[in-house]
Amino acid sequence: QREMVAFITDTGYYADYADSVKGRFT
């Protein structure tokens, strides 16, 4: 299934990641 990897808010102030990519993807 399609899964979310990361998102970033409108101003770029906040971003979050799937556990599987944390620390590797930005």
PDB file of all heavy atoms in Angstrom:
ATOM      1  N   GLN A   1       0.836  -1.202   0.000  1.00  0.00           N
ATOM      2  CA  GLN A   1       0.000   0.000   0.000  1.00  0.00           C
ATOM      3  C   GLN A   1       0.876   1.260   0.000  1.00  0.00           C
ATOM      4  O   GLN A   1       2.012   1.227   0.486  1.00  0.00           O
ATOM      5  CB  GLN A   1      -0.904   0.004   1.233  1.00  0.00           C
ATOM      6  CG  GLN A   1      -2.035  -1.004   1.170  1.00  0.00           C
ATOM      7  CD  GLN A   1      -3.046  -0.802   2.282  1.00  0.00           C
ATOM      8  OE1 GLN A   1      -2.689  -0.380   3.384  1.00  0.00           O
ATOM      9  NE2 GLN A   1      -4.297  -1.104   2.012  1.00  0.00           N
ATOM     10  N   ARG A   2       0.317   2.317  -0.521  1.00  0.00           N
ATOM     11  CA  ARG A   2       1.000   3.603  -0.478  1.00  0.00           C
ATOM     12  C   ARG A   2       1.094   4.058   0.974  1.00  0.00           C
ATOM     13  O   ARG A   2       0.127   3.955   1.735  1.00  0.00           O
ATOM     14  CB  ARG A   2       0.248   4.630  -1.318  1.00  0.00           C
ATOM     15  CG  ARG A   2       1.016   5.873  -1.630  1.00  0.00           C
ATOM     16  CD  ARG A   2       0.278   6.740  -2.639  1.00  0.00           C
ATOM     17  NE  ARG A   2       0.164   6.082  -3.939  1.00  0.00           N
ATOM     18  CZ  ARG A   2      -0.251   6.708  -5.038  1.00  0.00           C
ATOM     19  NH1 ARG A   2      -0.583   7.991  -4.995  1.00  0.00           N
ATOM     20  NH2 ARG A   2      -0.341   6.047  -6.178  1.00  0.00           N
ATOM     21  N   GLU A   3       2.264   4.569   1.363  1.00  0.00           N
ATOM     22  CA  GLU A   3       2.461   5.021   2.731  1.00  0.00           C
ATOM     23  C   GLU A   3       3.085   6.413   2.728  1.00  0.00           C
ATOM     24  O   GLU A   3       3.869   6.755   1.839  1.00  0.00           O
ATOM     25  CB  GLU A   3       3.382   4.056   3.494  1.00  0.00           C
ATOM     26  CG  GLU A   3       4.790   3.940   2.933  1.00  0.00           C
ATOM     27  CD  GLU A   3       5.734   3.137   3.822  1.00  0.00           C
ATOM     28  OE1 GLU A   3       5.371   2.805   4.974  1.00  0.00           O
ATOM     29  OE2 GLU A   3       6.858   2.858   3.369  1.00  0.00           O
ATOM     30  N   MET A   4       2.732   7.201   3.754  1.00  0.00           N
ATOM     31  CA  MET A   4       3.317   8.519   3.873  1.00  0.00           C
ATOM     32  C   MET A   4       4.731   8.405   4.444  1.00  0.00           C
ATOM     33  O   MET A   4       4.938   7.715   5.440  1.00  0.00           O
ATOM     34  CB  MET A   4       2.477   9.440   4.746  1.00  0.00           C
ATOM     35  CG  MET A   4       2.948  10.885   4.676  1.00  0.00           C
ATOM     36  SD  MET A   4       1.812  12.052   5.433  1.00  0.00           S
ATOM     37  CE  MET A   4       1.960  11.610   7.156  1.00  0.00           C
ATOM     38  N   VAL A   5       5.648   9.113   3.812  1.00  0.00           N
ATOM     39  CA  VAL A   5       7.053   9.098   4.216  1.00  0.00           C
ATOM     40  C   VAL A   5       7.373  10.298   5.092  1.00  0.00           C
ATOM     41  O   VAL A   5       8.052  10.163   6.114  1.00  0.00           O
ATOM     42  CB  VAL A   5       7.951   9.087   2.967  1.00  0.00           C
ATOM     43  CG1 VAL A   5       9.417   9.237   3.349  1.00  0.00           C
ATOM     44  CG2 VAL A   5       7.718   7.832   2.147  1.00  0.00           C
ATOM     45  N   ALA A   6       6.877  11.465   4.676  1.00  0.00           N
ATOM     46  CA  ALA A   6       7.203  12.701   5.391  1.00  0.00           C
ATOM     47  C   ALA A   6       6.204  13.777   5.023  1.00  0.00           C
ATOM     48  O   ALA A   6       5.602  13.734   3.950  1.00  0.00           O
ATOM     49  CB  ALA A   6       8.612  13.168   5.049  1.00  0.00           C
ATOM     50  N   PHE A   7       6.048  14.753   5.902  1.00  0.00           N
ATOM     51  CA  PHE A   7       5.268  15.931   5.566  1.00  0.00           C
ATOM     52  C   PHE A   7       5.940  17.157   6.153  1.00  0.00           C
ATOM     53  O   PHE A   7       6.725  17.059   7.113  1.00  0.00           O
ATOM     54  CB  PHE A   7       3.814  15.821   6.043  1.00  0.00           C
ATOM     55  CG  PHE A   7       3.624  15.982   7.528  1.00  0.00           C
ATOM     56  CD1 PHE A   7       3.448  17.239   8.099  1.00  0.00           C
ATOM     57  CD2 PHE A   7       3.601  14.873   8.356  1.00  0.00           C
ATOM     58  CE1 PHE A   7       3.269  17.387   9.459  1.00  0.00           C
ATOM     59  CE2 PHE A   7       3.420  15.012   9.728  1.00  0.00           C
ATOM     60  CZ  PHE A   7       3.258  16.271  10.288  1.00  0.00           C
ATOM     61  N   ILE A   8       5.612  18.308   5.578  1.00  0.00           N
ATOM     62  CA  ILE A   8       6.149  19.572   6.058  1.00  0.00           C
ATOM     63  C   ILE A   8       5.028  20.605   5.998  1.00  0.00           C
ATOM     64  O   ILE A   8       4.269  20.661   5.016  1.00  0.00           O
ATOM     65  CB  ILE A   8       7.382  20.002   5.233  1.00  0.00           C
ATOM     66  CG1 ILE A   8       8.051  21.239   5.824  1.00  0.00           C
ATOM     67  CG2 ILE A   8       7.043  20.212   3.757  1.00  0.00           C
ATOM     68  CD1 ILE A   8       9.443  21.505   5.262  1.00  0.00           C
ATOM     69  N   THR A   9       4.895  21.402   7.045  1.00  0.00           N
ATOM     70  CA  THR A   9       3.819  22.369   7.110  1.00  0.00           C
ATOM     71  C   THR A   9       4.070  23.551   6.176  1.00  0.00           C
ATOM     72  O   THR A   9       5.149  23.687   5.599  1.00  0.00           O
ATOM     73  CB  THR A   9       3.618  22.858   8.544  1.00  0.00           C
ATOM     74  OG1 THR A   9       4.874  23.377   9.032  1.00  0.00           O
ATOM     75  CG2 THR A   9       3.161  21.721   9.447  1.00  0.00           C
ATOM     76  N   ASP A  10       3.073  24.414   6.045  1.00  0.00           N
ATOM     77  CA  ASP A  10       3.101  25.465   5.035  1.00  0.00           C
ATOM     78  C   ASP A  10       4.325  26.370   5.124  1.00  0.00           C
ATOM     79  O   ASP A  10       4.939  26.709   4.107  1.00  0.00           O
ATOM     80  CB  ASP A  10       1.827  26.297   5.084  1.00  0.00           C
ATOM     81  CG  ASP A  10       1.488  26.823   6.475  1.00  0.00           C
ATOM     82  OD1 ASP A  10       2.226  26.492   7.424  1.00  0.00           O
ATOM     83  OD2 ASP A  10       0.489  27.553   6.592  1.00  0.00           O
ATOM     84  N   THR A  11       4.702  26.746   6.339  1.00  0.00           N
ATOM     85  CA  THR A  11       5.858  27.642   6.489  1.00  0.00           C
ATOM     86  C   THR A  11       7.177  26.880   6.540  1.00  0.00           C
ATOM     87  O   THR A  11       8.242  27.482   6.510  1.00  0.00           O
ATOM     88  CB  THR A  11       5.733  28.460   7.779  1.00  0.00           C
ATOM     89  OG1 THR A  11       5.727  27.554   8.888  1.00  0.00           O
ATOM     90  CG2 THR A  11       4.475  29.301   7.776  1.00  0.00           C
ATOM     91  N   GLY A  12       7.079  25.551   6.646  1.00  0.00           N
ATOM     92  CA  GLY A  12       8.284  24.751   6.806  1.00  0.00           C
ATOM     93  C   GLY A  12       8.747  24.645   8.239  1.00  0.00           C
ATOM     94  O   GLY A  12       9.793  24.052   8.519  1.00  0.00           O
ATOM     95  N   TYR A  13       7.948  25.180   9.169  1.00  0.00           N
ATOM     96  CA  TYR A  13       8.370  25.197  10.576  1.00  0.00           C
ATOM     97  C   TYR A  13       8.383  23.800  11.166  1.00  0.00           C
ATOM     98  O   TYR A  13       9.196  23.485  12.036  1.00  0.00           O
ATOM     99  CB  TYR A  13       7.426  26.096  11.377  1.00  0.00           C
ATOM    100  CG  TYR A  13       7.796  26.220  12.825  1.00  0.00           C
ATOM    101  CD1 TYR A  13       8.837  27.038  13.228  1.00  0.00           C
ATOM    102  CD2 TYR A  13       7.101  25.500  13.803  1.00  0.00           C
ATOM    103  CE1 TYR A  13       9.182  27.159  14.563  1.00  0.00           C
ATOM    104  CE2 TYR A  13       7.443  25.606  15.137  1.00  0.00           C
ATOM    105  CZ  TYR A  13       8.484  26.448  15.521  1.00  0.00           C
ATOM    106  OH  TYR A  13       8.819  26.551  16.838  1.00  0.00           O
ATOM    107  N   TYR A  14       7.446  22.968  10.729  1.00  0.00           N
ATOM    108  CA  TYR A  14       7.330  21.640  11.339  1.00  0.00           C
ATOM    109  C   TYR A  14       7.319  20.564  10.255  1.00  0.00           C
ATOM    110  O   TYR A  14       6.671  20.717   9.214  1.00  0.00           O
ATOM    111  CB  TYR A  14       6.045  21.548  12.164  1.00  0.00           C
ATOM    112  CG  TYR A  14       5.892  20.228  12.875  1.00  0.00           C
ATOM    113  CD1 TYR A  14       6.629  19.949  14.024  1.00  0.00           C
ATOM    114  CD2 TYR A  14       5.024  19.241  12.391  1.00  0.00           C
ATOM    115  CE1 TYR A  14       6.504  18.726  14.675  1.00  0.00           C
ATOM    116  CE2 TYR A  14       4.901  18.028  13.035  1.00  0.00           C
ATOM    117  CZ  TYR A  14       5.637  17.775  14.174  1.00  0.00           C
ATOM    118  OH  TYR A  14       5.521  16.568  14.818  1.00  0.00           O
ATOM    119  N   ALA A  15       8.041  19.496  10.535  1.00  0.00           N
ATOM    120  CA  ALA A  15       8.064  18.349   9.643  1.00  0.00           C
ATOM    121  C   ALA A  15       8.073  17.082  10.481  1.00  0.00           C
ATOM    122  O   ALA A  15       8.502  17.094  11.637  1.00  0.00           O
ATOM    123  CB  ALA A  15       9.292  18.387   8.739  1.00  0.00           C
ATOM    124  N   ASP A  16       7.595  16.012   9.915  1.00  0.00           N
ATOM    125  CA  ASP A  16       7.640  14.731  10.614  1.00  0.00           C
ATOM    126  C   ASP A  16       7.800  13.620   9.593  1.00  0.00           C
ATOM    127  O   ASP A  16       7.568  13.824   8.396  1.00  0.00           O
ATOM    128  CB  ASP A  16       6.379  14.521  11.455  1.00  0.00           C
ATOM    129  CG  ASP A  16       6.618  13.568  12.615  1.00  0.00           C
ATOM    130  OD1 ASP A  16       7.766  13.063  12.763  1.00  0.00           O
ATOM    131  OD2 ASP A  16       5.675  13.304  13.382  1.00  0.00           O
ATOM    132  N   TYR A  17       8.179  12.446  10.106  1.00  0.00           N
ATOM    133  CA  TYR A  17       8.603  11.359   9.240  1.00  0.00           C
ATOM    134  C   TYR A  17       8.042  10.033   9.704  1.00  0.00           C
ATOM    135  O   TYR A  17       7.784   9.828  10.900  1.00  0.00           O
ATOM    136  CB  TYR A  17      10.133  11.273   9.247  1.00  0.00           C
ATOM    137  CG  TYR A  17      10.809  12.555   8.824  1.00  0.00           C
ATOM    138  CD1 TYR A  17      11.075  13.560   9.745  1.00  0.00           C
ATOM    139  CD2 TYR A  17      11.153  12.767   7.492  1.00  0.00           C
ATOM    140  CE1 TYR A  17      11.667  14.745   9.351  1.00  0.00           C
ATOM    141  CE2 TYR A  17      11.753  13.948   7.092  1.00  0.00           C
ATOM    142  CZ  TYR A  17      12.013  14.929   8.024  1.00  0.00           C
ATOM    143  OH  TYR A  17      12.597  16.104   7.625  1.00  0.00           O
ATOM    144  N   ALA A  18       7.910   9.108   8.766  1.00  0.00           N
ATOM    145  CA  ALA A  18       7.624   7.736   9.138  1.00  0.00           C
ATOM    146  C   ALA A  18       8.807   7.186   9.925  1.00  0.00           C
ATOM    147  O   ALA A  18       9.958   7.556   9.681  1.00  0.00           O
ATOM    148  CB  ALA A  18       7.386   6.901   7.886  1.00  0.00           C
ATOM    149  N   ASP A  19       8.517   6.296  10.869  1.00  0.00           N
ATOM    150  CA  ASP A  19       9.581   5.735  11.690  1.00  0.00           C
ATOM    151  C   ASP A  19      10.661   5.070  10.837  1.00  0.00           C
ATOM    152  O   ASP A  19      11.841   5.103  11.189  1.00  0.00           O
ATOM    153  CB  ASP A  19       9.002   4.718  12.676  1.00  0.00           C
ATOM    154  CG  ASP A  19       8.228   5.376  13.796  1.00  0.00           C
ATOM    155  OD1 ASP A  19       8.386   6.600  13.997  1.00  0.00           O
ATOM    156  OD2 ASP A  19       7.450   4.668  14.467  1.00  0.00           O
ATOM    157  N   SER A  20      10.254   4.478   9.740  1.00  0.00           N
ATOM    158  CA  SER A  20      11.188   3.732   8.898  1.00  0.00           C
ATOM    159  C   SER A  20      12.245   4.613   8.228  1.00  0.00           C
ATOM    160  O   SER A  20      13.267   4.100   7.756  1.00  0.00           O
ATOM    161  CB  SER A  20      10.424   2.949   7.829  1.00  0.00           C
ATOM    162  OG  SER A  20       9.641   3.828   7.033  1.00  0.00           O
ATOM    163  N   VAL A  21      12.007   5.926   8.178  1.00  0.00           N
ATOM    164  CA  VAL A  21      12.959   6.806   7.498  1.00  0.00           C
ATOM    165  C   VAL A  21      13.538   7.885   8.412  1.00  0.00           C
ATOM    166  O   VAL A  21      14.409   8.653   7.983  1.00  0.00           O
ATOM    167  CB  VAL A  21      12.327   7.485   6.256  1.00  0.00           C
ATOM    168  CG1 VAL A  21      11.701   6.438   5.340  1.00  0.00           C
ATOM    169  CG2 VAL A  21      11.306   8.550   6.638  1.00  0.00           C
ATOM    170  N   LYS A  22      13.096   7.932   9.637  1.00  0.00           N
ATOM    171  CA  LYS A  22      13.591   8.962  10.568  1.00  0.00           C
ATOM    172  C   LYS A  22      15.100   8.860  10.718  1.00  0.00           C
ATOM    173  O   LYS A  22      15.655   7.771  10.891  1.00  0.00           O
ATOM    174  CB  LYS A  22      12.920   8.803  11.938  1.00  0.00           C
ATOM    175  CG  LYS A  22      11.613   9.531  12.049  1.00  0.00           C
ATOM    176  CD  LYS A  22      11.017   9.433  13.450  1.00  0.00           C
ATOM    177  CE  LYS A  22       9.692  10.153  13.512  1.00  0.00           C
ATOM    178  NZ  LYS A  22       9.034  10.020  14.818  1.00  0.00           N
ATOM    179  N   GLY A  23      15.754  10.006  10.664  1.00  0.00           N
ATOM    180  CA  GLY A  23      17.202  10.043  10.790  1.00  0.00           C
ATOM    181  C   GLY A  23      17.935   9.834   9.483  1.00  0.00           C
ATOM    182  O   GLY A  23      19.150  10.051   9.406  1.00  0.00           O
ATOM    183  N   ARG A  24      17.206   9.427   8.429  1.00  0.00           N
ATOM    184  CA  ARG A  24      17.838   9.192   7.116  1.00  0.00           C
ATOM    185  C   ARG A  24      17.305  10.143   6.051  1.00  0.00           C
ATOM    186  O   ARG A  24      18.046  10.521   5.148  1.00  0.00           O
ATOM    187  CB  ARG A  24      17.601   7.751   6.670  1.00  0.00           C
ATOM    188  CG  ARG A  24      18.161   6.704   7.618  1.00  0.00           C
ATOM    189  CD  ARG A  24      18.067   5.304   7.032  1.00  0.00           C
ATOM    190  NE  ARG A  24      16.688   4.892   6.785  1.00  0.00           N
ATOM    191  CZ  ARG A  24      16.211   4.525   5.599  1.00  0.00           C
ATOM    192  NH1 ARG A  24      16.998   4.531   4.533  1.00  0.00           N
ATOM    193  NH2 ARG A  24      14.949   4.142   5.459  1.00  0.00           N
ATOM    194  N   PHE A  25      16.027  10.495   6.141  1.00  0.00           N
ATOM    195  CA  PHE A  25      15.395  11.363   5.146  1.00  0.00           C
ATOM    196  C   PHE A  25      15.131  12.733   5.747  1.00  0.00           C
ATOM    197  O   PHE A  25      14.828  12.849   6.938  1.00  0.00           O
ATOM    198  CB  PHE A  25      14.060  10.781   4.684  1.00  0.00           C
ATOM    199  CG  PHE A  25      14.151   9.537   3.848  1.00  0.00           C
ATOM    200  CD1 PHE A  25      15.328   8.816   3.700  1.00  0.00           C
ATOM    201  CD2 PHE A  25      13.011   9.059   3.201  1.00  0.00           C
ATOM    202  CE1 PHE A  25      15.393   7.665   2.936  1.00  0.00           C
ATOM    203  CE2 PHE A  25      13.050   7.913   2.425  1.00  0.00           C
ATOM    204  CZ  PHE A  25      14.249   7.226   2.299  1.00  0.00           C
ATOM    205  N   THR A  26      15.214  13.761   4.898  1.00  0.00           N
ATOM    206  CA  THR A  26      14.902  15.126   5.313  1.00  0.00           C
ATOM    207  C   THR A  26      14.023  15.777   4.250  1.00  0.00           C
ATOM    208  O   THR A  26      14.399  15.815   3.078  1.00  0.00           O
ATOM    209  CB  THR A  26      16.177  15.954   5.505  1.00  0.00           C
ATOM    210  OG1 THR A  26      17.029  15.313   6.462  1.00  0.00           O
ATOM    211  CG2 THR A  26      15.837  17.354   5.999  1.00  0.00           C
TER     212      THR A  26
END
